Amino acid sequence: MAQGIDWPSLAYGIRMPGLSIEEFEADGKWGMQELSPLGLLVPLPLTAEGVYEASLTAPSLEDVLFVADCIAFDHDSPTVVVPLQELATAPYEPVGHDRPWIAANRTYRDILDSVAEQAHEIRYTDALRLRYGTYGDPLTRFSGRFAGRSEPLALYATAIRHVDLLAEYMGLYRVLETPRRDNGLGFITDHLDSLERYDFGKLLTIPAFLPRHAEEPIEVFSVLRERALGRLEALRTAGIDTARHLYAIRNGLAHGKQDLILNDFGNAVDAVAADLPLLKLLARIAVEQG
């Protein structure tokens, strides 16, 4: 599949910090090929028989962004789409003196990569194992899995790029507002009891092999479920309405009226972080079920 690739015709690749890079087929039309020198996955156009054909239309930016969002969602870890050819001007122009020996467009994208890597590192101590098989894996039928759900999918992928936990919370809550186009209270209330039995799939860490022993892989969604259910039980035991509690935090982050939640790098952040596993799993249900 990878021989004779017309690299100049391909415009974008996907960076996946903290995630094992392996080749797979996406949506039955893109062959995800590793570009080793840059540490990227590049979508190659495939024929109906799964063969790379250089004359086929290369994936557009929209195509690559969608695949990147799907990978980010499935692994709860941020991805970054990177131009392969000549870079455009950086969208954010910094204030200050020009540095002619520094390419502003390259600096912008290098920093995005760095932030994504750090966002992964605050969530995981290890790398993650790719969830997809090489060919024919139903998980990689992205268009079918996320039909009509590209908006909450993109919101989720954006939320988990944040290093600041308060910004992540706000981004995840936005996902809960999409199914019914409201404040999310009804969606939360209707899905709290499904957290214990919902199938979130399996996401494994790649343990670091230390000198004297080998760590066992950890199943990520099982850990998140345990934490979410523990938090839910604590709120219910305290007589707190969980949906309104989560919504109140959202309002404290979003509005400048009352009960503001500020980043004090201490108690406020710790309190919000305690609710993140609960919010995250609800947001995943919102993306998958709408």
Protein backbone atom coordinates (compact mmCIF):
# COMPACT_ATOMS: atom_id res chain seq x y z
CA MET A 1 0.00 0.00 0.00
CA ALA A 2 2.78 2.43 0.89
CA GLN A 3 5.03 1.97 -2.15
CA GLY A 4 5.20 4.72 -4.73
CA ILE A 5 3.42 7.31 -2.60
CA ASP A 6 3.00 10.72 -4.22
CA TRP A 7 3.88 12.68 -1.08
CA PRO A 8 3.63 16.17 -2.71
CA SER A 9 -0.08 15.53 -3.36
CA LEU A 10 -0.77 14.96 0.35
CA ALA A 11 -1.35 18.09 2.36
CA TYR A 12 -1.93 17.03 5.99
CA GLY A 13 -0.84 14.55 8.62
CA ILE A 14 -1.97 13.79 12.17
CA ARG A 15 0.23 14.01 15.25
CA MET A 16 -0.82 11.77 18.15
CA PRO A 17 1.27 12.53 21.26
CA GLY A 18 1.38 9.66 23.73
CA LEU A 19 -0.27 7.21 21.34
CA SER A 20 1.39 4.31 19.57
CA ILE A 21 1.69 5.01 15.83
CA GLU A 22 0.47 2.06 13.79
CA GLU A 23 -1.00 1.80 10.32
CA PHE A 24 -4.70 1.12 9.85
CA GLU A 25 -7.53 1.71 7.42
CA ALA A 26 -9.96 4.54 8.18
CA ASP A 27 -13.53 4.56 6.89
CA GLY A 28 -12.63 2.11 4.15
CA LYS A 29 -11.17 4.94 2.07
CA TRP A 30 -8.04 6.20 3.83
CA GLY A 31 -4.94 4.16 4.49
CA MET A 32 -3.31 5.66 7.58
CA GLN A 33 0.38 5.51 6.72
CA GLU A 34 3.18 6.31 9.16
CA LEU A 35 5.56 9.04 8.06
CA SER A 36 8.38 8.07 10.39
CA PRO A 37 10.74 11.07 10.11
CA LEU A 38 7.97 13.42 11.26
CA GLY A 39 6.15 11.06 13.62
CA LEU A 40 2.86 11.50 11.76
CA LEU A 41 0.00 9.43 10.42
CA VAL A 42 -0.89 10.48 6.88
CA PRO A 43 -4.20 9.46 5.23
CA LEU A 44 -3.68 7.97 1.78
CA PRO A 45 -6.59 7.61 -0.69
CA LEU A 46 -7.59 3.98 -1.27
CA THR A 47 -9.53 2.21 -3.98
CA ALA A 48 -12.59 0.11 -3.11
CA GLU A 49 -10.19 -2.85 -2.89
CA GLY A 50 -8.10 -1.07 -0.25
CA VAL A 51 -5.17 -0.27 -2.53
CA TYR A 52 -3.40 3.07 -2.56
CA GLU A 53 -3.89 4.94 -5.82
CA ALA A 54 -2.00 8.22 -6.32
CA SER A 55 -4.48 9.44 -8.96
CA LEU A 56 -7.36 9.45 -6.45
CA THR A 57 -8.35 12.69 -4.75
CA ALA A 58 -6.23 13.29 -1.68
CA PRO A 59 -8.07 13.84 1.61
CA SER A 60 -9.14 17.42 2.27
CA LEU A 61 -8.44 19.34 5.46
CA GLU A 62 -12.02 18.60 6.55
CA ASP A 63 -11.44 14.87 5.99
CA VAL A 64 -8.23 14.84 8.02
CA LEU A 65 -9.71 16.92 10.83
CA PHE A 66 -12.60 14.46 11.14
CA VAL A 67 -10.28 11.45 11.33
CA ALA A 68 -8.09 13.28 13.86
CA ASP A 69 -11.13 14.05 16.03
CA CYS A 70 -12.19 10.39 15.88
CA ILE A 71 -8.74 9.21 16.98
CA ALA A 72 -8.70 11.78 19.79
CA PHE A 73 -12.13 10.70 21.02
CA ASP A 74 -11.40 6.98 20.88
CA HIS A 75 -8.22 7.42 22.90
CA ASP A 76 -9.26 10.36 25.09
CA SER A 77 -6.01 12.03 24.10
CA PRO A 78 -5.43 15.10 21.91
CA THR A 79 -4.40 15.05 18.27
CA VAL A 80 -3.00 17.84 16.09
CA VAL A 81 -3.37 18.20 12.31
CA VAL A 82 -0.10 19.28 10.72
CA PRO A 83 0.49 20.65 7.17
CA LEU A 84 2.94 18.52 5.21
CA GLN A 85 3.81 21.06 2.56
CA GLU A 86 4.70 24.74 2.74
CA LEU A 87 3.14 26.15 5.88
CA ALA A 88 0.63 28.97 5.79
CA THR A 89 0.98 32.06 7.94
CA ALA A 90 0.30 31.38 11.59
CA PRO A 91 -3.27 32.44 12.50
CA TYR A 92 -2.12 34.04 15.73
CA GLU A 93 0.29 36.91 15.26
CA PRO A 94 2.31 37.62 18.40
CA VAL A 95 3.14 41.14 19.51
CA GLY A 96 6.78 42.15 19.46
CA HIS A 97 9.81 42.41 17.21
CA ASP A 98 10.26 40.14 14.21
CA ARG A 99 12.75 37.31 14.50
CA PRO A 100 13.72 36.63 10.86
CA TRP A 101 15.56 33.41 11.82
CA ILE A 102 12.35 31.96 13.37
CA ALA A 103 9.45 30.84 11.17
CA ALA A 104 6.35 32.07 12.98
CA ASN A 105 4.14 29.49 11.27
CA ARG A 106 6.45 26.66 12.37
CA THR A 107 6.69 28.04 15.92
CA TYR A 108 2.91 28.17 16.20
CA ARG A 109 2.47 24.55 15.16
CA ASP A 110 5.41 23.31 17.20
CA ILE A 111 3.82 24.86 20.27
CA LEU A 112 0.47 23.22 19.46
CA ASP A 113 2.27 19.88 19.32
CA SER A 114 3.98 20.59 22.63
CA VAL A 115 0.73 21.57 24.35
CA ALA A 116 -0.99 18.42 23.07
CA GLU A 117 1.86 16.34 24.45
CA GLN A 118 1.56 18.05 27.83
CA ALA A 119 -2.22 17.60 27.80
CA HIS A 120 -1.62 13.87 27.36
CA GLU A 121 0.97 13.80 30.14
CA ILE A 122 -1.32 15.35 32.75
CA ARG A 123 -3.86 12.59 32.04
CA TYR A 124 -1.56 9.58 31.61
CA THR A 125 1.78 8.42 32.96
CA ASP A 126 2.15 6.00 30.05
CA ALA A 127 1.57 5.91 26.33
CA LEU A 128 -1.69 4.43 25.04
CA ARG A 129 -2.15 1.42 22.82
CA LEU A 130 -3.89 2.08 19.51
CA ARG A 131 -7.41 0.63 19.67
CA TYR A 132 -7.71 -0.18 15.96
CA GLY A 133 -6.89 -3.35 14.08
CA THR A 134 -5.07 -3.13 10.77
CA TYR A 135 -8.00 -3.59 8.37
CA GLY A 136 -11.75 -4.05 8.67
CA ASP A 137 -12.00 -2.97 12.30
CA PRO A 138 -15.58 -1.70 12.91
CA LEU A 139 -14.19 0.99 15.21
CA THR A 140 -12.55 2.62 12.18
CA ARG A 141 -15.84 3.02 10.30
CA PHE A 142 -15.88 6.58 11.54
CA SER A 143 -18.50 8.05 9.22
CA GLY A 144 -21.05 5.46 10.31
CA ARG A 145 -20.19 5.62 14.00
CA PHE A 146 -20.36 9.41 14.16
CA ALA A 147 -23.04 10.12 11.55
CA GLY A 148 -24.80 13.34 12.55
CA ARG A 149 -22.46 13.74 15.54
CA SER A 150 -19.51 15.59 14.04
CA GLU A 151 -20.25 18.68 16.14
CA PRO A 152 -20.12 17.07 19.62
CA LEU A 153 -17.19 14.96 18.41
CA ALA A 154 -15.23 18.09 17.49
CA LEU A 155 -16.20 19.77 20.77
CA TYR A 156 -14.89 16.75 22.71
CA ALA A 157 -11.63 16.70 20.75
CA THR A 158 -11.18 20.42 21.43
CA ALA A 159 -11.92 20.06 25.15
CA ILE A 160 -9.23 17.43 25.74
CA ARG A 161 -6.54 19.58 24.11
CA HIS A 162 -6.67 21.86 27.14
CA VAL A 163 -4.01 21.68 29.81
CA ASP A 164 -6.05 23.84 32.19
CA LEU A 165 -8.60 21.57 33.93
CA LEU A 166 -11.16 24.35 34.21
CA ALA A 167 -11.07 24.92 30.46
CA GLU A 168 -11.40 21.17 29.90
CA TYR A 169 -14.46 21.07 32.15
CA MET A 170 -16.10 23.92 30.28
CA GLY A 171 -15.36 22.26 26.95
CA LEU A 172 -16.78 18.92 28.05
CA TYR A 173 -19.92 20.51 29.40
CA ARG A 174 -20.53 22.09 26.00
CA VAL A 175 -20.76 18.55 24.64
CA LEU A 176 -23.65 17.84 27.04
CA GLU A 177 -25.55 20.84 25.69
CA THR A 178 -25.55 19.59 22.10
CA PRO A 179 -27.98 16.61 22.14
CA ARG A 180 -31.03 18.69 23.12
CA ARG A 181 -29.68 22.18 22.42
CA ASP A 182 -30.33 23.19 26.01
CA ASN A 183 -28.47 23.51 29.31
CA GLY A 184 -27.68 19.79 29.52
CA LEU A 185 -29.55 19.18 32.78
CA GLY A 186 -32.04 16.77 31.25
CA PHE A 187 -29.36 14.79 29.44
CA ILE A 188 -27.31 14.42 32.63
CA THR A 189 -30.30 13.32 34.70
CA ASP A 190 -31.40 10.77 32.10
CA HIS A 191 -27.96 9.16 31.76
CA LEU A 192 -26.48 9.05 35.26
CA ASP A 193 -27.85 5.59 35.96
CA SER A 194 -26.39 4.21 32.73
CA LEU A 195 -22.79 5.01 33.70
CA GLU A 196 -22.34 1.71 35.54
CA ARG A 197 -23.35 -0.51 32.61
CA TYR A 198 -22.47 1.59 29.55
CA ASP A 199 -19.91 0.02 27.22
CA PHE A 200 -17.17 2.61 26.79
CA GLY A 201 -14.91 0.16 24.98
CA LYS A 202 -11.38 -0.81 25.97
CA LEU A 203 -8.41 1.54 26.03
CA LEU A 204 -5.13 0.16 27.38
CA THR A 205 -1.95 1.83 28.50
CA ILE A 206 1.45 0.71 27.29
CA PRO A 207 3.28 0.21 30.59
CA ALA A 208 6.86 1.30 31.02
CA PHE A 209 9.12 -1.67 31.59
CA LEU A 210 11.22 -0.91 34.62
CA PRO A 211 14.50 -2.68 35.49
CA ARG A 212 13.15 -5.24 37.95
CA HIS A 213 9.52 -5.67 37.01
CA ALA A 214 7.02 -5.13 34.26
CA GLU A 215 3.86 -3.15 34.94
CA GLU A 216 0.52 -4.53 33.81
CA PRO A 217 -1.52 -2.49 31.29
CA ILE A 218 -4.30 -0.41 32.82
CA GLU A 219 -7.76 -0.25 31.26
CA VAL A 220 -8.43 3.48 31.13
CA PHE A 221 -12.22 3.59 30.92
CA SER A 222 -12.54 1.14 33.82
CA VAL A 223 -10.53 3.51 35.99
CA LEU A 224 -12.59 6.50 34.86
CA ARG A 225 -15.83 4.59 35.53
CA GLU A 226 -14.69 3.68 39.05
CA ARG A 227 -13.81 7.30 39.79
CA ALA A 228 -17.04 8.61 38.26
CA LEU A 229 -19.24 6.19 40.20
CA GLY A 230 -17.39 6.99 43.42
CA ARG A 231 -17.98 10.70 42.87
CA LEU A 232 -21.63 10.12 42.00
CA GLU A 233 -22.17 8.10 45.18
CA ALA A 234 -20.50 10.82 47.26
CA LEU A 235 -22.76 13.50 45.79
CA ARG A 236 -25.89 11.43 46.30
CA THR A 237 -24.92 10.54 49.86
CA ALA A 238 -24.53 14.25 50.57
CA GLY A 239 -28.02 14.87 49.16
CA ILE A 240 -26.69 16.89 46.23
CA ASP A 241 -28.54 16.95 42.91
CA THR A 242 -25.75 15.80 40.58
CA ALA A 243 -27.07 17.43 37.42
CA ARG A 244 -27.52 20.81 39.08
CA HIS A 245 -24.15 20.47 40.79
CA LEU A 246 -22.37 19.93 37.45
CA TYR A 247 -24.38 22.73 35.88
CA ALA A 248 -23.52 25.12 38.72
CA ILE A 249 -19.82 24.52 38.10
CA ARG A 250 -20.38 25.23 34.41
CA ASN A 251 -22.05 28.52 35.27
CA GLY A 252 -19.30 29.41 37.73
CA LEU A 253 -16.78 29.00 34.92
CA ALA A 254 -18.79 30.57 32.11
CA HIS A 255 -20.39 33.62 33.73
CA GLY A 256 -19.14 36.66 35.57
CA LYS A 257 -22.21 37.02 37.79
CA GLN A 258 -22.01 35.07 41.04
CA ASP A 259 -20.42 31.97 42.58
CA LEU A 260 -17.44 32.37 40.28
CA ILE A 261 -14.91 29.59 40.07
CA LEU A 262 -11.41 30.99 39.73
CA ASN A 263 -8.17 29.22 38.98
CA ASP A 264 -6.56 29.40 42.39
CA PHE A 265 -4.13 26.56 41.57
CA GLY A 266 -5.47 24.84 44.66
CA ASN A 267 -8.86 24.12 46.19
CA ALA A 268 -11.04 25.35 43.32
CA VAL A 269 -9.15 23.33 40.72
CA ASP A 270 -9.09 20.25 42.96
CA ALA A 271 -12.86 20.43 43.42
CA VAL A 272 -13.53 20.70 39.69
CA ALA A 273 -11.06 17.89 38.94
CA ALA A 274 -13.04 15.57 41.22
CA ASP A 275 -16.03 15.91 38.87
CA LEU A 276 -14.09 15.53 35.61
CA PRO A 277 -14.34 11.70 35.31
CA LEU A 278 -18.11 11.92 35.80
CA LEU A 279 -18.46 14.71 33.27
CA LYS A 280 -16.09 13.03 30.81
CA LEU A 281 -18.03 9.76 30.67
CA LEU A 282 -21.32 11.60 30.28
CA ALA A 283 -19.79 13.58 27.42
CA ARG A 284 -18.64 10.37 25.75
CA ILE A 285 -22.20 9.04 25.89
CA ALA A 286 -23.43 12.33 24.41
CA VAL A 287 -21.02 11.98 21.48
CA GLU A 288 -21.87 8.35 20.78
CA GLN A 289 -25.62 8.42 21.37
CA GLY A 290 -26.59 12.07 20.85
